[in-house]
N, C-alpha and C. Protein backbone atom coordinates (compact mmCIF):
# COMPACT_ATOMS: atom_id res chain seq x y z
N UNK A 1 -52.14 -0.06 176.40
CA UNK A 1 -51.05 0.40 176.78
C UNK A 1 -49.77 -0.58 175.46
N UNK A 2 -49.65 -1.46 175.68
CA UNK A 2 -49.05 -2.20 174.54
C UNK A 2 -49.03 -1.57 173.25
N UNK A 3 -49.88 -1.51 172.83
CA UNK A 3 -50.71 -1.60 171.50
C UNK A 3 -50.31 -0.27 171.13
N UNK A 4 -50.53 0.83 172.46
CA UNK A 4 -49.80 2.70 172.15
C UNK A 4 -48.31 2.44 171.68
N UNK A 5 -47.45 1.88 172.75
CA UNK A 5 -45.87 1.95 172.63
C UNK A 5 -45.67 0.81 171.29
N UNK A 6 -46.19 -0.40 171.08
CA UNK A 6 -45.96 -0.87 169.28
C UNK A 6 -46.02 0.59 168.27
N UNK A 7 -47.02 0.85 168.53
CA UNK A 7 -47.72 2.37 167.07
C UNK A 7 -46.22 3.42 167.58
N UNK A 8 -46.11 3.79 168.49
CA UNK A 8 -44.84 5.00 168.64
C UNK A 8 -43.59 4.12 167.83
N UNK A 9 -43.06 3.03 168.10
CA UNK A 9 -41.64 2.73 168.32
C UNK A 9 -42.12 2.24 167.06
N UNK A 10 -43.25 2.21 166.27
CA UNK A 10 -43.50 1.55 164.48
C UNK A 10 -42.79 2.89 164.22
N UNK A 11 -43.86 4.13 164.46
CA UNK A 11 -43.45 5.56 164.04
C UNK A 11 -41.84 5.86 164.53
N UNK A 12 -41.10 5.68 165.20
CA UNK A 12 -39.93 5.48 165.27
C UNK A 12 -39.26 5.24 163.84
N UNK A 13 -39.63 4.02 163.97
CA UNK A 13 -38.49 3.34 162.95
C UNK A 13 -39.07 3.68 161.50
N UNK A 14 -40.38 4.18 161.17
CA UNK A 14 -40.61 5.23 160.10
C UNK A 14 -40.15 6.17 159.85
N UNK A 15 -39.72 7.08 161.21
CA UNK A 15 -39.17 8.06 160.81
C UNK A 15 -37.66 8.33 160.48
N UNK A 16 -36.97 6.96 161.16
CA UNK A 16 -35.48 7.53 160.76
C UNK A 16 -35.36 6.63 159.20
N UNK A 17 -36.07 5.75 158.61
CA UNK A 17 -36.29 5.10 157.43
C UNK A 17 -36.59 6.55 156.95
N UNK A 18 -36.76 7.13 156.96
CA UNK A 18 -37.03 8.54 155.97
C UNK A 18 -35.87 9.28 155.70
N UNK A 19 -35.01 9.51 157.92
CA UNK A 19 -33.78 10.24 157.35
C UNK A 19 -32.95 9.89 157.05
N UNK A 20 -32.72 8.18 156.81
CA UNK A 20 -31.77 7.59 156.48
C UNK A 20 -31.48 7.69 155.18
N UNK A 21 -32.97 7.48 154.21
CA UNK A 21 -33.57 8.04 152.75
C UNK A 21 -33.33 9.01 153.04
N UNK A 22 -33.44 10.07 153.40
CA UNK A 22 -32.68 11.73 152.51
C UNK A 22 -31.28 11.58 152.36
N UNK A 23 -30.80 11.32 154.06
CA UNK A 23 -29.61 11.55 153.75
C UNK A 23 -28.52 10.17 152.92
N UNK A 24 -29.08 9.41 152.05
CA UNK A 24 -28.37 8.57 151.60
C UNK A 24 -28.33 9.66 150.01
N UNK A 25 -29.62 9.68 149.78
CA UNK A 25 -30.05 10.84 148.83
C UNK A 25 -29.43 12.49 148.63
N UNK A 26 -29.27 13.05 149.77
CA UNK A 26 -27.95 14.22 149.87
C UNK A 26 -26.30 13.58 149.94
N UNK A 27 -26.29 12.40 149.81
CA UNK A 27 -24.97 12.11 149.83
C UNK A 27 -24.63 11.43 148.53
N UNK A 28 -25.44 10.78 147.65
CA UNK A 28 -25.96 11.11 146.18
C UNK A 28 -26.00 12.51 145.23
N UNK A 29 -26.41 13.00 145.57
CA UNK A 29 -26.06 14.38 145.44
C UNK A 29 -25.26 15.03 145.38
N UNK A 30 -24.36 14.69 146.87
CA UNK A 30 -23.26 16.04 146.73
C UNK A 30 -22.28 15.09 146.06
N UNK A 31 -22.17 14.12 146.10
CA UNK A 31 -20.91 13.41 145.50
C UNK A 31 -21.35 13.42 144.02
N UNK A 32 -22.20 13.83 143.20
CA UNK A 32 -22.16 14.01 142.24
C UNK A 32 -21.71 15.62 142.24
N UNK A 33 -21.95 16.64 142.48
CA UNK A 33 -22.05 17.47 142.66
C UNK A 33 -20.46 17.62 142.74
N UNK A 34 -19.87 17.10 143.28
CA UNK A 34 -18.17 16.25 143.46
C UNK A 34 -17.41 16.40 142.18
N UNK A 35 -18.17 16.14 141.14
CA UNK A 35 -17.40 15.12 139.95
C UNK A 35 -16.64 16.39 139.16
N UNK A 36 -16.47 15.83 138.23
CA UNK A 36 -16.07 16.43 137.04
C UNK A 36 -17.42 16.47 136.00
N UNK A 37 -17.08 17.31 135.28
CA UNK A 37 -18.63 17.74 134.40
C UNK A 37 -17.63 18.36 132.79
N UNK A 38 -18.20 17.43 131.80
CA UNK A 38 -17.01 17.73 130.68
C UNK A 38 -18.20 18.64 129.95
N UNK A 39 -17.95 20.10 129.89
CA UNK A 39 -18.94 20.56 129.05
C UNK A 39 -18.25 21.60 127.81
N UNK A 40 -19.02 20.77 126.45
CA UNK A 40 -18.82 21.09 125.41
C UNK A 40 -18.98 22.50 124.75
N UNK A 41 -18.24 23.07 123.65
CA UNK A 41 -18.58 24.41 123.46
C UNK A 41 -19.70 24.19 122.35
N UNK A 42 -19.88 22.97 121.51
CA UNK A 42 -21.33 22.38 121.08
C UNK A 42 -21.33 21.52 120.49
N UNK A 43 -21.95 20.84 120.07
CA UNK A 43 -22.98 19.56 120.11
C UNK A 43 -23.46 19.29 118.51
N UNK A 44 -23.12 20.18 117.79
CA UNK A 44 -23.20 19.93 116.44
C UNK A 44 -21.69 20.88 115.20
N UNK A 45 -20.88 20.29 114.82
CA UNK A 45 -20.08 20.85 114.26
C UNK A 45 -20.03 21.09 112.92
N UNK A 46 -20.56 22.46 112.03
CA UNK A 46 -20.13 22.06 110.56
C UNK A 46 -19.05 22.31 109.92
N UNK A 47 -18.59 21.47 109.43
CA UNK A 47 -17.16 21.02 108.45
C UNK A 47 -17.79 22.51 107.15
N UNK A 48 -18.59 22.75 106.54
CA UNK A 48 -19.08 24.10 105.71
C UNK A 48 -18.83 22.91 103.85
N UNK A 49 -18.20 23.44 103.10
CA UNK A 49 -17.66 23.22 102.13
C UNK A 49 -16.12 22.42 101.96
N UNK A 50 -15.96 21.20 101.74
CA UNK A 50 -15.09 20.82 101.23
C UNK A 50 -15.25 19.83 100.58
N UNK A 51 -13.65 20.23 99.43
CA UNK A 51 -14.11 19.69 98.17
C UNK A 51 -12.56 18.66 97.98
N UNK A 52 -13.61 17.46 97.49
CA UNK A 52 -13.34 16.08 97.25
C UNK A 52 -11.51 16.06 97.34
N UNK A 53 -11.03 14.94 98.20
CA UNK A 53 -9.82 14.99 97.86
C UNK A 53 -8.25 16.36 99.00
N UNK A 54 -9.85 16.63 99.45
CA UNK A 54 -8.72 16.99 100.96
C UNK A 54 -9.53 17.00 101.94
N UNK A 55 -8.81 16.92 102.84
CA UNK A 55 -8.96 16.74 104.00
C UNK A 55 -9.07 18.24 105.07
N UNK A 56 -9.65 18.21 105.51
CA UNK A 56 -10.58 19.59 106.34
C UNK A 56 -10.47 18.83 108.41
N UNK A 57 -9.55 19.88 109.03
CA UNK A 57 -9.73 19.77 110.76
C UNK A 57 -10.44 20.75 111.21
N UNK A 58 -11.32 20.69 112.22
CA UNK A 58 -11.43 21.79 113.06
C UNK A 58 -11.22 21.52 114.22
N UNK A 59 -11.75 22.44 115.32
CA UNK A 59 -10.89 22.52 116.70
C UNK A 59 -12.25 22.29 117.24
N UNK A 60 -12.83 21.69 118.46
CA UNK A 60 -13.58 21.38 119.26
C UNK A 60 -13.70 21.49 120.65
N UNK A 61 -13.67 22.42 121.39
CA UNK A 61 -13.07 23.16 122.48
C UNK A 61 -13.70 22.38 123.82
N UNK A 62 -13.57 22.55 124.95
CA UNK A 62 -14.62 21.59 125.86
C UNK A 62 -13.20 22.36 127.29
N UNK A 63 -14.37 22.34 128.33
CA UNK A 63 -14.09 22.70 129.51
C UNK A 63 -14.40 21.83 130.72
N UNK A 64 -13.77 21.57 131.76
CA UNK A 64 -14.34 20.97 132.73
C UNK A 64 -14.98 22.26 134.17
N UNK A 65 -16.26 21.87 133.89
CA UNK A 65 -16.95 22.80 134.17
C UNK A 65 -17.17 21.99 136.02
N UNK A 66 -16.48 21.15 136.34
CA UNK A 66 -16.71 19.95 136.98
C UNK A 66 -15.86 20.13 138.80
N UNK A 67 -15.55 20.00 139.30
CA UNK A 67 -15.70 19.91 140.91
C UNK A 67 -13.52 19.12 140.81
N UNK A 68 -14.17 18.50 140.04
CA UNK A 68 -12.44 17.02 140.11
C UNK A 68 -12.04 17.12 138.37
N UNK A 69 -11.25 16.72 138.96
CA UNK A 69 -10.02 16.25 137.53
C UNK A 69 -10.89 15.39 136.58
N UNK A 70 -10.77 16.36 135.23
CA UNK A 70 -11.99 16.03 134.18
C UNK A 70 -10.75 14.68 133.14
N UNK A 71 -11.09 13.74 132.61
CA UNK A 71 -9.98 12.57 131.87
C UNK A 71 -11.21 11.78 130.85
N UNK A 72 -10.57 12.49 129.45
CA UNK A 72 -10.88 12.19 128.73
C UNK A 72 -10.53 10.54 128.13
N UNK A 73 -11.14 9.48 128.46
CA UNK A 73 -10.85 8.22 128.32
C UNK A 73 -10.93 7.82 127.27
N UNK A 74 -11.68 7.80 126.43
CA UNK A 74 -12.23 7.15 124.31
C UNK A 74 -13.01 8.31 123.81
N UNK A 75 -12.78 7.99 122.43
CA UNK A 75 -13.29 8.94 121.34
C UNK A 75 -13.15 7.99 120.49
N UNK A 76 -15.02 7.66 119.76
CA UNK A 76 -14.88 6.93 118.64
C UNK A 76 -15.78 7.73 117.87
N UNK A 77 -15.46 7.24 116.30
CA UNK A 77 -16.05 8.43 115.11
C UNK A 77 -17.08 6.69 114.50
N UNK A 78 -17.79 7.08 113.80
CA UNK A 78 -18.40 6.26 113.03
C UNK A 78 -18.56 5.79 111.62
N UNK A 79 -16.87 6.36 111.57
CA UNK A 79 -16.29 5.51 109.63
C UNK A 79 -14.96 6.07 109.67
N UNK A 80 -14.13 5.07 109.31
CA UNK A 80 -12.81 5.55 108.76
C UNK A 80 -12.34 6.84 108.28
N UNK A 81 -13.19 7.49 108.00
CA UNK A 81 -13.19 8.94 106.99
C UNK A 81 -13.06 9.67 108.05
N UNK A 82 -12.92 10.23 109.47
CA UNK A 82 -13.34 10.62 110.60
C UNK A 82 -11.97 10.67 111.42
N UNK A 83 -11.40 11.26 111.25
CA UNK A 83 -10.31 11.00 112.77
C UNK A 83 -10.39 11.79 113.51
N UNK A 84 -9.88 11.85 114.89
CA UNK A 84 -9.88 12.91 115.99
C UNK A 84 -8.81 12.26 116.43
N UNK A 85 -8.68 13.47 117.15
CA UNK A 85 -7.15 13.86 118.24
C UNK A 85 -7.28 14.88 119.23
N UNK A 86 -7.18 14.06 120.68
CA UNK A 86 -7.78 14.49 121.88
C UNK A 86 -7.14 14.12 122.99
N UNK A 87 -6.71 15.48 123.96
CA UNK A 87 -5.96 14.93 124.98
C UNK A 87 -5.89 13.98 125.89
N UNK A 88 -4.28 13.30 126.17
CA UNK A 88 -4.90 12.93 126.81
C UNK A 88 -4.43 13.19 128.45
N UNK A 89 -3.81 14.18 128.79
CA UNK A 89 -3.49 14.14 129.71
C UNK A 89 -4.86 14.56 130.65
N UNK A 90 -5.24 14.64 132.21
CA UNK A 90 -6.25 15.04 132.85
C UNK A 90 -6.39 16.45 132.66
N UNK A 91 -7.54 17.39 132.84
CA UNK A 91 -8.11 18.40 133.21
C UNK A 91 -8.15 19.16 134.00
N UNK A 92 -7.95 19.69 134.81
CA UNK A 92 -7.98 20.39 136.37
C UNK A 92 -9.66 20.81 136.12
N UNK A 93 -10.28 21.01 137.24
CA UNK A 93 -11.31 22.02 137.39
C UNK A 93 -11.30 23.47 136.81
N UNK A 94 -12.64 23.68 135.78
CA UNK A 94 -11.56 25.52 135.06
C UNK A 94 -10.94 25.55 133.77
N UNK A 95 -10.27 23.98 133.13
CA UNK A 95 -9.50 24.28 132.50
C UNK A 95 -10.16 23.80 131.49
N UNK A 96 -9.96 24.24 130.10
CA UNK A 96 -10.39 24.02 128.68
C UNK A 96 -8.77 23.11 127.40
N UNK A 97 -9.47 22.60 127.20
CA UNK A 97 -8.92 21.97 126.01
C UNK A 97 -9.59 21.83 124.57
N UNK A 98 -9.19 21.01 123.79
CA UNK A 98 -9.48 21.12 122.10
C UNK A 98 -9.31 19.79 121.74
N UNK A 99 -10.15 19.49 121.48
CA UNK A 99 -10.72 17.95 120.46
C UNK A 99 -10.30 18.27 119.04
N UNK A 100 -9.16 17.80 117.85
CA UNK A 100 -9.41 18.16 116.91
C UNK A 100 -9.88 16.91 116.02
N UNK A 101 -11.27 17.63 114.89
CA UNK A 101 -11.46 16.67 114.41
C UNK A 101 -11.48 16.69 112.77
N UNK A 102 -10.85 15.37 112.29
CA UNK A 102 -10.63 15.49 111.12
C UNK A 102 -11.34 14.94 109.50
N UNK A 103 -12.17 15.26 108.56
CA UNK A 103 -12.86 14.57 108.07
C UNK A 103 -12.24 14.24 106.79
N UNK A 104 -11.94 13.34 105.58
CA UNK A 104 -11.30 13.47 104.82
C UNK A 104 -12.28 12.59 103.99
N UNK A 105 -13.22 13.13 102.96
CA UNK A 105 -14.45 12.93 102.08
C UNK A 105 -14.04 11.17 101.33
N UNK A 106 -15.10 10.65 101.20
CA UNK A 106 -14.97 9.79 99.76
C UNK A 106 -15.92 9.56 99.15
N UNK A 107 -16.93 10.24 99.14
CA UNK A 107 -18.21 11.00 98.06
C UNK A 107 -17.71 12.05 98.28
N UNK A 108 -18.46 12.44 97.46
CA UNK A 108 -19.48 13.56 96.95
C UNK A 108 -20.72 14.15 97.94
N UNK A 109 -20.65 15.04 98.12
CA UNK A 109 -22.82 15.22 98.28
C UNK A 109 -22.47 15.76 99.87
N UNK A 110 -23.98 15.60 101.11
CA UNK A 110 -23.85 15.96 102.07
C UNK A 110 -23.64 15.02 103.29
N UNK A 111 -22.40 15.58 104.09
CA UNK A 111 -22.45 13.99 104.63
C UNK A 111 -22.66 14.36 106.75
N UNK A 112 -23.23 13.74 106.89
CA UNK A 112 -23.86 14.09 108.63
C UNK A 112 -22.74 12.54 109.23
N UNK A 113 -21.89 12.75 110.94
CA UNK A 113 -21.38 11.73 111.08
C UNK A 113 -21.17 11.83 112.59
N UNK A 114 -21.17 11.20 113.17
CA UNK A 114 -21.40 11.20 114.72
C UNK A 114 -19.95 11.11 115.35
N UNK A 115 -19.77 11.45 116.56
CA UNK A 115 -18.69 11.05 117.34
C UNK A 115 -18.76 10.94 118.64
N UNK A 116 -18.11 9.70 119.66
CA UNK A 116 -18.72 9.89 120.76
C UNK A 116 -17.54 9.94 122.32
N UNK A 117 -18.41 10.71 122.82
CA UNK A 117 -16.97 10.86 123.26
C UNK A 117 -17.27 10.48 124.48
N UNK A 118 -16.27 9.98 125.36
CA UNK A 118 -16.30 8.67 127.41
C UNK A 118 -15.22 9.97 127.70
N UNK A 119 -15.69 9.78 128.85
CA UNK A 119 -15.02 10.62 130.33
C UNK A 119 -15.14 10.69 131.28
N UNK A 120 -14.33 11.00 132.85
CA UNK A 120 -14.41 10.18 133.67
C UNK A 120 -15.76 11.20 134.79
N UNK A 121 -16.31 12.47 133.79
CA UNK A 121 -17.10 13.05 134.28
C UNK A 121 -18.25 12.55 134.99
N UNK A 122 -19.09 12.84 135.39
CA UNK A 122 -20.82 13.06 135.92
C UNK A 122 -21.79 12.76 134.39
N UNK A 123 -21.11 13.63 133.46
CA UNK A 123 -22.02 13.47 132.52
C UNK A 123 -20.54 12.81 131.40
N UNK A 124 -20.70 11.15 131.77
CA UNK A 124 -19.68 10.62 131.38
C UNK A 124 -19.81 10.18 129.59
N UNK A 125 -20.60 10.39 128.61
CA UNK A 125 -20.48 10.18 127.80
C UNK A 125 -21.34 11.49 126.91
N UNK A 126 -20.71 11.94 125.53
CA UNK A 126 -21.62 12.79 125.26
C UNK A 126 -20.95 12.45 123.43
N UNK A 127 -22.80 13.05 122.83
CA UNK A 127 -22.62 12.87 121.47
C UNK A 127 -21.97 13.87 120.48
N UNK A 128 -21.52 14.38 120.06
CA UNK A 128 -21.39 15.27 118.97
C UNK A 128 -21.33 14.78 117.16
N UNK A 129 -22.19 15.75 117.03
CA UNK A 129 -22.95 15.58 115.05
C UNK A 129 -21.16 16.39 114.70
N UNK A 130 -21.05 16.07 113.04
CA UNK A 130 -20.31 16.73 112.32
C UNK A 130 -20.91 16.79 111.02
N UNK A 131 -21.51 18.11 110.38
CA UNK A 131 -22.02 18.42 109.35
C UNK A 131 -20.88 19.20 108.14
N UNK A 132 -21.21 18.42 106.76
CA UNK A 132 -21.21 19.34 106.27
C UNK A 132 -21.50 18.75 104.46
N UNK A 133 -20.86 19.57 103.35
CA UNK A 133 -20.79 18.81 101.79
C UNK A 133 -19.81 18.88 101.33
N UNK A 134 -19.45 17.89 100.75
CA UNK A 134 -18.24 17.73 99.65
C UNK A 134 -18.26 17.85 98.43
N UNK A 135 -17.58 18.42 97.47
CA UNK A 135 -17.79 19.11 96.29
C UNK A 135 -16.38 18.55 95.73
N UNK A 136 -16.80 18.85 94.29
CA UNK A 136 -15.88 18.04 93.32
C UNK A 136 -14.43 19.16 93.30
N UNK A 137 -13.66 19.15 93.05
CA UNK A 137 -12.62 20.45 92.74
C UNK A 137 -12.72 21.29 91.73
């Protein structure tokens, strides 16, 4: 009888433990679903052909497709020839914005640069590639 009681109590602990684990996983996935989500229009931006000595600027659209306010906290480029202007104000769910990317070439030929965007969203960082070709005037 004692062995059977210990078996039943042990079984109860196992069932309770697995239920707690499931509830924890549900709370985590629900928490993720309640965050902002940073959706980029595209992750590769084609600049096309740029003449040496000129700066070209393109706009990259994004949308907050999550359920909380989105904030872009920082944006990094891989070189000084690329500058980025991004909105500092928060974006409510469903709202869109634009990141302005400017490229000022320093040499002729093809280029491929990287821009890293950091946010408070579920996908807290995104990487964008910019490509193009610089030609002489």
